[in-house]
Amino acid sequence: MDTQNLIDMANRIGDFFDSMPDREEAVTGVADHIRRFWEPRMRRALLAALDNPDASGIAMSAIVREALVKHRERLTPAEPSIA
C-alpha cells in the first residue's frame, strides 16, 4: 500500500471539505467520505500513517488529522473473524 498516495488522496478530500464554513461539519465530512469509500486496508494504512508521521514522507493536512483523531473509532475497520 502506497502510504504517500493515500495521504495525498486524503489531503485532496480534506481540501474539498475545508472550504465549508462549518468546521465540525467539514471534519465529519472528511471522516464520512473515508469511511464510506475507502476499503478497510486503505483506512488501516492511513491510521497507521497518523500514528507514525515520520515514516510517510508527506504531511497530512490539519483537517485530515483532525478527522482521523476525532472519528478514529468509526474509521477503524473491524478485525476479520476467523470461522
Protein backbone atom coordinates (compact mmCIF):
# COMPACT_ATOMS: atom_id res chain seq x y z
CA MET A 1 0.00 0.00 0.00
CA ASP A 2 1.47 3.35 -1.05
CA THR A 3 1.07 5.45 2.08
CA GLN A 4 2.18 8.66 0.38
CA ASN A 5 -0.56 8.24 -2.23
CA LEU A 6 -3.17 7.57 0.47
CA ILE A 7 -2.17 10.70 2.37
CA ASP A 8 -2.25 12.71 -0.86
CA MET A 9 -5.76 11.43 -1.64
CA ALA A 10 -6.92 12.16 1.92
CA ASN A 11 -5.45 15.68 1.68
CA ARG A 12 -7.40 16.30 -1.53
CA ILE A 13 -10.58 15.18 0.22
CA GLY A 14 -9.66 17.49 3.09
CA ASP A 15 -9.12 20.40 0.67
CA PHE A 16 -12.66 19.95 -0.65
CA PHE A 17 -14.30 19.87 2.77
CA ASP A 18 -12.03 22.57 4.25
CA SER A 19 -13.89 25.20 2.23
CA MET A 20 -17.09 24.56 4.20
CA PRO A 21 -17.98 27.34 6.65
CA ASP A 22 -18.86 24.93 9.49
CA ARG A 23 -15.58 23.34 10.67
CA GLU A 24 -17.25 20.47 12.55
CA GLU A 25 -19.36 19.60 9.51
CA ALA A 26 -16.24 19.69 7.35
CA VAL A 27 -14.27 17.39 9.69
CA THR A 28 -17.19 14.96 9.83
CA GLY A 29 -17.47 15.11 6.04
CA VAL A 30 -13.84 14.06 5.64
CA ALA A 31 -14.29 11.13 8.03
CA ASP A 32 -17.58 10.05 6.44
CA HIS A 33 -16.09 10.09 2.96
CA ILE A 34 -13.11 7.98 4.00
CA ARG A 35 -15.31 5.54 5.93
CA ARG A 36 -17.80 5.11 3.09
CA PHE A 37 -15.49 4.95 0.07
CA TRP A 38 -12.15 3.58 1.27
CA GLU A 39 -11.64 -0.13 1.73
CA PRO A 40 -10.54 -1.38 5.17
CA ARG A 41 -6.86 -1.87 4.33
CA MET A 42 -6.65 1.70 2.99
CA ARG A 43 -8.14 3.04 6.23
CA ARG A 44 -5.78 0.90 8.32
CA ALA A 45 -2.78 2.23 6.39
CA LEU A 46 -3.95 5.84 6.75
CA LEU A 47 -4.47 5.42 10.50
CA ALA A 48 -1.02 3.81 10.77
CA ALA A 49 0.44 6.87 8.99
CA LEU A 50 -1.30 9.07 11.56
CA ASP A 51 0.41 7.10 14.34
CA ASN A 52 3.83 7.24 12.64
CA PRO A 53 4.01 10.55 10.73
CA ASP A 54 7.77 10.43 10.15
CA ALA A 55 7.55 7.22 8.10
CA SER A 56 5.24 8.52 5.37
CA GLY A 57 7.36 11.35 3.97
CA ILE A 58 4.33 13.53 3.15
CA ALA A 59 2.47 15.83 5.53
CA MET A 60 -1.13 15.11 6.41
CA SER A 61 -3.31 18.23 6.33
CA ALA A 62 -4.72 19.59 9.57
CA ILE A 63 -8.33 18.81 8.68
CA VAL A 64 -7.49 15.21 7.77
CA ARG A 65 -5.54 14.74 11.00
CA GLU A 66 -8.43 16.21 12.98
CA ALA A 67 -10.96 13.96 11.22
CA LEU A 68 -8.88 10.84 11.86
CA VAL A 69 -8.35 11.67 15.53
CA LYS A 70 -11.98 12.63 16.24
CA HIS A 71 -13.52 9.77 14.29
CA ARG A 72 -10.87 7.08 14.72
CA GLU A 73 -13.22 4.54 16.27
CA ARG A 74 -15.66 4.79 13.34
CA LEU A 75 -12.84 4.67 10.80
CA THR A 76 -11.09 1.63 12.28
CA PRO A 77 -12.24 -1.45 10.38
CA ALA A 78 -13.44 -4.43 12.35
CA GLU A 79 -10.95 -7.27 12.51
CA PRO A 80 -11.97 -10.11 10.21
CA SER A 81 -13.43 -13.03 12.12
CA ILE A 82 -11.89 -16.44 11.70
CA ALA A 83 -14.54 -19.10 11.48
